[in-house]
N, C-alpha and C. Protein backbone atom coordinates (compact mmCIF):
# COMPACT_ATOMS: atom_id res chain seq x y z
N MET A 1 80.75 -51.25 53.56
CA MET A 1 80.12 -52.36 54.23
C MET A 1 80.24 -52.18 55.73
N PRO A 2 79.19 -52.49 56.44
CA PRO A 2 79.29 -52.34 57.89
C PRO A 2 80.21 -53.41 58.48
N THR A 3 80.88 -53.00 59.47
CA THR A 3 81.80 -53.93 60.14
C THR A 3 81.10 -54.58 61.29
N LEU A 4 81.80 -55.54 61.91
CA LEU A 4 81.24 -56.26 63.04
C LEU A 4 81.03 -55.34 64.22
N ASP A 5 81.92 -54.41 64.38
CA ASP A 5 81.77 -53.45 65.47
C ASP A 5 80.48 -52.65 65.33
N ASP A 6 80.22 -52.24 64.13
CA ASP A 6 79.01 -51.44 63.90
C ASP A 6 77.76 -52.27 64.20
N ASP A 7 77.75 -53.53 63.80
CA ASP A 7 76.60 -54.39 64.06
C ASP A 7 76.40 -54.61 65.55
N GLU A 8 77.49 -54.84 66.27
CA GLU A 8 77.37 -55.06 67.71
C GLU A 8 76.90 -53.80 68.42
N ARG A 9 77.39 -52.66 68.00
CA ARG A 9 76.95 -51.40 68.63
C ARG A 9 75.46 -51.17 68.35
N PHE A 10 75.06 -51.47 67.14
CA PHE A 10 73.64 -51.28 66.78
C PHE A 10 72.75 -52.23 67.59
N GLU A 11 73.19 -53.48 67.75
CA GLU A 11 72.42 -54.43 68.55
C GLU A 11 72.36 -54.00 70.01
N SER A 12 73.46 -53.51 70.55
CA SER A 12 73.43 -53.05 71.94
C SER A 12 72.52 -51.83 72.09
N TYR A 13 72.49 -51.00 71.08
CA TYR A 13 71.60 -49.84 71.11
C TYR A 13 70.14 -50.31 71.10
N LEU A 14 69.84 -51.30 70.27
CA LEU A 14 68.46 -51.80 70.20
C LEU A 14 68.05 -52.49 71.49
N ARG A 15 68.97 -53.13 72.18
CA ARG A 15 68.65 -53.79 73.46
C ARG A 15 68.30 -52.77 74.54
N GLN A 16 68.80 -51.58 74.40
CA GLN A 16 68.49 -50.53 75.38
C GLN A 16 67.08 -49.97 75.20
N PHE A 17 66.53 -50.22 74.04
CA PHE A 17 65.21 -49.66 73.73
C PHE A 17 64.13 -50.29 74.61
N ARG A 18 63.37 -49.46 75.29
CA ARG A 18 62.24 -49.88 76.12
C ARG A 18 61.02 -49.05 75.69
N PRO A 19 59.99 -49.72 75.22
CA PRO A 19 58.81 -48.94 74.80
C PRO A 19 58.15 -48.28 76.00
N LEU A 20 57.61 -47.10 75.76
CA LEU A 20 56.90 -46.37 76.80
C LEU A 20 55.44 -46.84 76.85
N VAL A 21 54.90 -46.89 78.03
CA VAL A 21 53.50 -47.25 78.21
C VAL A 21 52.67 -46.02 77.85
N PRO A 22 51.75 -46.16 76.94
CA PRO A 22 50.95 -44.99 76.55
C PRO A 22 50.00 -44.59 77.66
N GLU A 23 49.66 -43.32 77.66
CA GLU A 23 48.70 -42.82 78.65
C GLU A 23 47.29 -43.29 78.24
N ALA A 24 46.45 -43.43 79.22
CA ALA A 24 45.07 -43.85 78.95
C ALA A 24 44.36 -42.76 78.17
N LEU A 25 43.53 -43.19 77.24
CA LEU A 25 42.77 -42.23 76.45
C LEU A 25 41.70 -41.60 77.34
N PRO A 26 41.49 -40.31 77.20
CA PRO A 26 40.45 -39.67 78.01
C PRO A 26 39.06 -40.13 77.54
N ILE A 27 38.18 -40.35 78.48
CA ILE A 27 36.81 -40.76 78.17
C ILE A 27 35.99 -39.49 77.97
N PRO A 28 35.41 -39.35 76.78
CA PRO A 28 34.62 -38.13 76.55
C PRO A 28 33.36 -38.15 77.40
N ARG A 29 33.09 -37.05 78.00
CA ARG A 29 31.89 -36.92 78.83
C ARG A 29 30.93 -35.97 78.13
N ARG A 30 29.68 -36.31 78.22
CA ARG A 30 28.68 -35.42 77.63
C ARG A 30 28.52 -34.21 78.54
N PRO A 31 28.31 -33.08 77.92
CA PRO A 31 28.02 -31.92 78.75
C PRO A 31 26.69 -32.12 79.49
N ARG A 32 26.59 -31.53 80.63
CA ARG A 32 25.37 -31.72 81.43
C ARG A 32 24.14 -31.15 80.73
N SER A 33 24.33 -30.15 79.89
CA SER A 33 23.18 -29.56 79.21
C SER A 33 22.53 -30.57 78.26
N VAL A 34 23.34 -31.42 77.62
CA VAL A 34 22.77 -32.44 76.72
C VAL A 34 21.95 -33.44 77.52
N THR A 35 22.42 -33.82 78.68
CA THR A 35 21.68 -34.75 79.53
C THR A 35 20.35 -34.14 79.94
N TRP A 36 20.36 -32.86 80.29
CA TRP A 36 19.12 -32.19 80.67
C TRP A 36 18.16 -32.10 79.49
N ILE A 37 18.68 -31.90 78.31
CA ILE A 37 17.80 -31.82 77.13
C ILE A 37 17.12 -33.17 76.90
N TRP A 38 17.89 -34.27 77.01
CA TRP A 38 17.29 -35.59 76.85
C TRP A 38 16.26 -35.87 77.94
N ALA A 39 16.56 -35.46 79.15
CA ALA A 39 15.62 -35.67 80.25
C ALA A 39 14.33 -34.87 80.03
N ALA A 40 14.47 -33.64 79.56
CA ALA A 40 13.29 -32.81 79.30
C ALA A 40 12.46 -33.38 78.15
N ALA A 41 13.13 -33.87 77.11
CA ALA A 41 12.41 -34.46 75.98
C ALA A 41 11.66 -35.72 76.42
N PHE A 42 12.29 -36.54 77.23
CA PHE A 42 11.63 -37.74 77.73
C PHE A 42 10.41 -37.37 78.59
N ALA A 43 10.57 -36.38 79.45
CA ALA A 43 9.45 -35.95 80.29
C ALA A 43 8.30 -35.40 79.44
N ALA A 44 8.64 -34.66 78.38
CA ALA A 44 7.60 -34.12 77.50
C ALA A 44 6.83 -35.24 76.81
N VAL A 45 7.54 -36.27 76.35
CA VAL A 45 6.88 -37.39 75.69
C VAL A 45 5.96 -38.12 76.67
N VAL A 46 6.42 -38.31 77.89
CA VAL A 46 5.60 -38.99 78.89
C VAL A 46 4.35 -38.16 79.20
N ILE A 47 4.51 -36.86 79.36
CA ILE A 47 3.37 -35.99 79.67
C ILE A 47 2.37 -36.00 78.52
N LEU A 48 2.87 -35.88 77.28
CA LEU A 48 1.95 -35.90 76.14
C LEU A 48 1.24 -37.24 76.01
N GLY A 49 1.94 -38.32 76.32
CA GLY A 49 1.31 -39.64 76.29
C GLY A 49 0.20 -39.77 77.31
N VAL A 50 0.46 -39.29 78.52
CA VAL A 50 -0.56 -39.36 79.58
C VAL A 50 -1.76 -38.49 79.21
N LEU A 51 -1.51 -37.29 78.69
CA LEU A 51 -2.62 -36.42 78.29
C LEU A 51 -3.42 -37.05 77.16
N GLY A 52 -2.74 -37.67 76.21
CA GLY A 52 -3.44 -38.33 75.11
C GLY A 52 -4.31 -39.46 75.60
N LEU A 53 -3.80 -40.26 76.51
CA LEU A 53 -4.61 -41.35 77.06
C LEU A 53 -5.80 -40.83 77.84
N ARG A 54 -5.60 -39.75 78.57
CA ARG A 54 -6.73 -39.18 79.33
C ARG A 54 -7.80 -38.65 78.39
N MET A 55 -7.36 -38.03 77.28
CA MET A 55 -8.34 -37.50 76.32
C MET A 55 -9.13 -38.65 75.69
N VAL A 56 -8.44 -39.73 75.33
CA VAL A 56 -9.12 -40.86 74.72
C VAL A 56 -10.08 -41.50 75.72
N SER A 57 -9.63 -41.69 76.95
CA SER A 57 -10.52 -42.31 77.93
C SER A 57 -11.69 -41.38 78.28
N HIS A 58 -11.45 -40.07 78.27
CA HIS A 58 -12.54 -39.12 78.53
C HIS A 58 -13.55 -39.16 77.39
N ARG A 59 -13.04 -39.27 76.16
CA ARG A 59 -13.93 -39.28 75.01
C ARG A 59 -14.78 -40.55 75.00
N THR A 60 -14.19 -41.69 75.36
CA THR A 60 -14.95 -42.93 75.35
C THR A 60 -15.80 -43.11 76.59
N GLY A 61 -15.53 -42.39 77.66
CA GLY A 61 -16.27 -42.57 78.90
C GLY A 61 -17.28 -41.48 79.17
N ARG A 62 -17.92 -40.93 78.14
CA ARG A 62 -18.92 -39.89 78.34
C ARG A 62 -20.15 -40.44 79.04
N GLN A 63 -20.74 -39.62 79.93
CA GLN A 63 -21.96 -40.05 80.61
C GLN A 63 -23.15 -39.85 79.67
N GLY A 64 -24.08 -40.76 79.75
CA GLY A 64 -25.32 -40.63 78.99
C GLY A 64 -25.25 -41.18 77.58
N THR A 65 -24.11 -41.61 77.14
CA THR A 65 -24.04 -42.18 75.80
C THR A 65 -23.60 -43.62 75.91
N THR A 66 -24.33 -44.45 75.25
CA THR A 66 -23.97 -45.86 75.19
C THR A 66 -23.79 -46.20 73.72
N PRO A 67 -23.03 -47.23 73.42
CA PRO A 67 -22.85 -47.58 72.01
C PRO A 67 -24.15 -47.86 71.28
N ALA A 68 -25.17 -48.33 71.99
CA ALA A 68 -26.44 -48.60 71.34
C ALA A 68 -27.17 -47.32 70.97
N SER A 69 -26.95 -46.23 71.71
CA SER A 69 -27.67 -44.98 71.44
C SER A 69 -26.95 -44.09 70.45
N VAL A 70 -25.74 -44.44 70.04
CA VAL A 70 -24.99 -43.63 69.09
C VAL A 70 -25.42 -44.01 67.69
N GLU A 71 -25.71 -42.98 66.90
CA GLU A 71 -26.17 -43.22 65.55
C GLU A 71 -25.02 -42.98 64.59
N VAL A 72 -24.81 -43.87 63.66
CA VAL A 72 -23.73 -43.74 62.68
C VAL A 72 -24.21 -42.83 61.57
N VAL A 73 -23.42 -41.79 61.29
CA VAL A 73 -23.76 -40.84 60.25
C VAL A 73 -23.32 -41.41 58.92
N GLN A 74 -24.26 -41.56 57.98
CA GLN A 74 -23.91 -42.06 56.66
C GLN A 74 -23.56 -40.86 55.77
N PRO A 75 -22.37 -40.87 55.19
CA PRO A 75 -22.00 -39.73 54.37
C PRO A 75 -22.79 -39.72 53.06
N THR A 76 -23.40 -38.58 52.78
CA THR A 76 -24.12 -38.42 51.53
C THR A 76 -23.29 -37.60 50.55
N ARG A 77 -22.33 -36.88 51.06
CA ARG A 77 -21.44 -36.09 50.23
C ARG A 77 -20.13 -36.85 50.07
N PRO A 78 -19.22 -36.32 49.27
CA PRO A 78 -17.91 -36.95 49.16
C PRO A 78 -17.23 -37.01 50.52
N LEU A 79 -16.45 -38.05 50.73
CA LEU A 79 -15.79 -38.25 52.01
C LEU A 79 -14.67 -37.22 52.18
N THR A 80 -14.79 -36.42 53.21
CA THR A 80 -13.76 -35.42 53.53
C THR A 80 -13.22 -35.72 54.91
N MET A 81 -12.17 -35.01 55.28
CA MET A 81 -11.60 -35.19 56.62
C MET A 81 -12.63 -34.85 57.69
N ARG A 82 -13.42 -33.82 57.45
CA ARG A 82 -14.44 -33.43 58.44
C ARG A 82 -15.47 -34.55 58.61
N ASN A 83 -15.93 -35.11 57.48
CA ASN A 83 -16.92 -36.20 57.56
C ASN A 83 -16.32 -37.43 58.23
N ALA A 84 -15.07 -37.74 57.89
CA ALA A 84 -14.42 -38.91 58.49
C ALA A 84 -14.26 -38.72 59.99
N ASN A 85 -13.86 -37.53 60.41
CA ASN A 85 -13.71 -37.27 61.84
C ASN A 85 -15.06 -37.35 62.55
N ALA A 86 -16.12 -36.84 61.92
CA ALA A 86 -17.45 -36.92 62.53
C ALA A 86 -17.89 -38.37 62.66
N LEU A 87 -17.61 -39.18 61.63
CA LEU A 87 -17.96 -40.59 61.71
C LEU A 87 -17.20 -41.29 62.82
N LEU A 88 -15.90 -41.01 62.92
CA LEU A 88 -15.10 -41.65 63.96
C LEU A 88 -15.55 -41.23 65.36
N ALA A 89 -15.99 -39.98 65.50
CA ALA A 89 -16.41 -39.49 66.81
C ALA A 89 -17.76 -40.08 67.22
N SER A 90 -18.61 -40.35 66.25
CA SER A 90 -19.96 -40.78 66.62
C SER A 90 -20.19 -42.29 66.46
N ALA A 91 -19.29 -43.01 65.85
CA ALA A 91 -19.50 -44.44 65.63
C ALA A 91 -19.28 -45.22 66.92
N PRO A 92 -19.96 -46.35 67.08
CA PRO A 92 -19.79 -47.14 68.30
C PRO A 92 -18.41 -47.82 68.37
N SER A 93 -17.80 -48.05 67.22
CA SER A 93 -16.47 -48.64 67.23
C SER A 93 -15.71 -48.16 66.00
N TYR A 94 -14.42 -48.37 66.04
CA TYR A 94 -13.57 -47.97 64.92
C TYR A 94 -13.94 -48.78 63.67
N LYS A 95 -14.18 -50.06 63.86
CA LYS A 95 -14.51 -50.93 62.73
C LYS A 95 -15.83 -50.49 62.08
N ALA A 96 -16.80 -50.12 62.89
CA ALA A 96 -18.09 -49.67 62.35
C ALA A 96 -17.91 -48.38 61.55
N ALA A 97 -17.06 -47.49 62.04
CA ALA A 97 -16.83 -46.24 61.33
C ALA A 97 -16.14 -46.49 60.00
N VAL A 98 -15.16 -47.36 59.98
CA VAL A 98 -14.45 -47.65 58.73
C VAL A 98 -15.38 -48.37 57.76
N ASP A 99 -16.20 -49.27 58.27
CA ASP A 99 -17.15 -49.96 57.39
C ASP A 99 -18.15 -48.99 56.78
N SER A 100 -18.58 -47.99 57.53
CA SER A 100 -19.54 -47.03 56.99
C SER A 100 -18.88 -46.07 56.02
N MET A 101 -17.55 -45.93 56.08
CA MET A 101 -16.84 -45.06 55.15
C MET A 101 -16.53 -45.76 53.84
N ALA A 102 -16.74 -47.06 53.77
CA ALA A 102 -16.40 -47.81 52.56
C ALA A 102 -17.21 -47.28 51.38
N PHE A 103 -16.61 -47.33 50.23
CA PHE A 103 -17.29 -46.83 49.05
C PHE A 103 -18.33 -47.85 48.58
N HIS A 104 -19.54 -47.38 48.44
CA HIS A 104 -20.64 -48.24 48.00
C HIS A 104 -20.94 -47.91 46.55
N PRO A 105 -21.36 -48.89 45.78
CA PRO A 105 -21.67 -48.60 44.37
C PRO A 105 -22.81 -47.59 44.28
N GLN A 106 -22.62 -46.63 43.39
CA GLN A 106 -23.62 -45.58 43.22
C GLN A 106 -24.25 -45.72 41.84
N ASP A 107 -25.40 -45.10 41.68
CA ASP A 107 -26.05 -45.12 40.37
C ASP A 107 -25.18 -44.37 39.38
N SER A 108 -25.05 -44.93 38.21
CA SER A 108 -24.22 -44.32 37.19
C SER A 108 -24.99 -43.19 36.52
N THR A 109 -24.37 -42.04 36.42
CA THR A 109 -24.99 -40.90 35.75
C THR A 109 -24.21 -40.56 34.48
N ILE A 110 -23.55 -41.56 33.90
CA ILE A 110 -22.74 -41.33 32.70
C ILE A 110 -23.66 -41.46 31.49
N PRO A 111 -23.61 -40.49 30.59
CA PRO A 111 -24.45 -40.57 29.38
C PRO A 111 -24.10 -41.80 28.54
N LYS A 112 -25.03 -42.20 27.66
CA LYS A 112 -24.86 -43.41 26.87
C LYS A 112 -23.65 -43.32 25.93
N ASP A 113 -23.33 -42.13 25.43
CA ASP A 113 -22.25 -42.02 24.46
C ASP A 113 -20.87 -41.84 25.12
N LYS A 114 -20.80 -41.83 26.45
CA LYS A 114 -19.54 -41.67 27.18
C LYS A 114 -19.19 -42.96 27.90
N GLN A 115 -17.92 -43.06 28.35
CA GLN A 115 -17.48 -44.22 29.11
C GLN A 115 -16.83 -43.75 30.40
N SER A 116 -16.95 -44.57 31.41
CA SER A 116 -16.28 -44.30 32.69
C SER A 116 -14.85 -44.82 32.60
N ALA A 117 -13.91 -44.02 33.05
CA ALA A 117 -12.50 -44.44 33.04
C ALA A 117 -12.31 -45.64 33.96
N LEU A 118 -13.00 -45.67 35.08
CA LEU A 118 -12.88 -46.80 35.99
C LEU A 118 -13.43 -48.08 35.37
N ALA A 119 -14.52 -47.96 34.61
CA ALA A 119 -15.09 -49.14 33.97
C ALA A 119 -14.14 -49.68 32.90
N VAL A 120 -13.50 -48.79 32.15
CA VAL A 120 -12.55 -49.22 31.12
C VAL A 120 -11.34 -49.89 31.78
N LEU A 121 -10.84 -49.30 32.85
CA LEU A 121 -9.69 -49.89 33.55
C LEU A 121 -10.04 -51.21 34.18
N ALA A 122 -11.28 -51.37 34.64
CA ALA A 122 -11.68 -52.63 35.26
C ALA A 122 -11.71 -53.75 34.24
N LYS A 123 -12.02 -53.44 32.97
CA LYS A 123 -12.09 -54.46 31.93
C LYS A 123 -10.69 -54.86 31.46
N GLU A 124 -9.72 -53.96 31.59
CA GLU A 124 -8.39 -54.22 31.06
C GLU A 124 -7.68 -55.31 31.86
N LYS A 125 -7.10 -56.25 31.14
CA LYS A 125 -6.37 -57.33 31.78
C LYS A 125 -4.89 -57.13 31.48
N ILE A 126 -4.12 -56.98 32.52
CA ILE A 126 -2.69 -56.72 32.37
C ILE A 126 -1.94 -58.00 32.62
N LYS A 127 -1.08 -58.38 31.69
CA LYS A 127 -0.24 -59.56 31.88
C LYS A 127 1.13 -59.11 32.31
N LEU A 128 1.57 -59.61 33.41
CA LEU A 128 2.90 -59.25 33.90
C LEU A 128 3.93 -60.27 33.51
């Protein structure tokens, strides 16, 4: 069993204890090369944005063409990326181009003894 002397010595030892103040944590700094990379990327995005706006404004500001004189090309073939791009380039507005790309009902060339999959699906009623 510990004696009174031992307890007093232990208490005096604990009273001498003074915690040390920790050193400040170092603040991590980014290398300068990372900062330059971010700056270059930002500059590239700004340059590409300006060039894109100039191209769009150049495309819409052509001399000699007015929206009234532009003829909308009606696709007679299946809609492809080339046809869609041609429609967008020649249409007076984006809405007019999209409206002209809409699928219009076509004459059915399905023989009498066959069925269209779309027609069968249109008749089907699904209950959820």
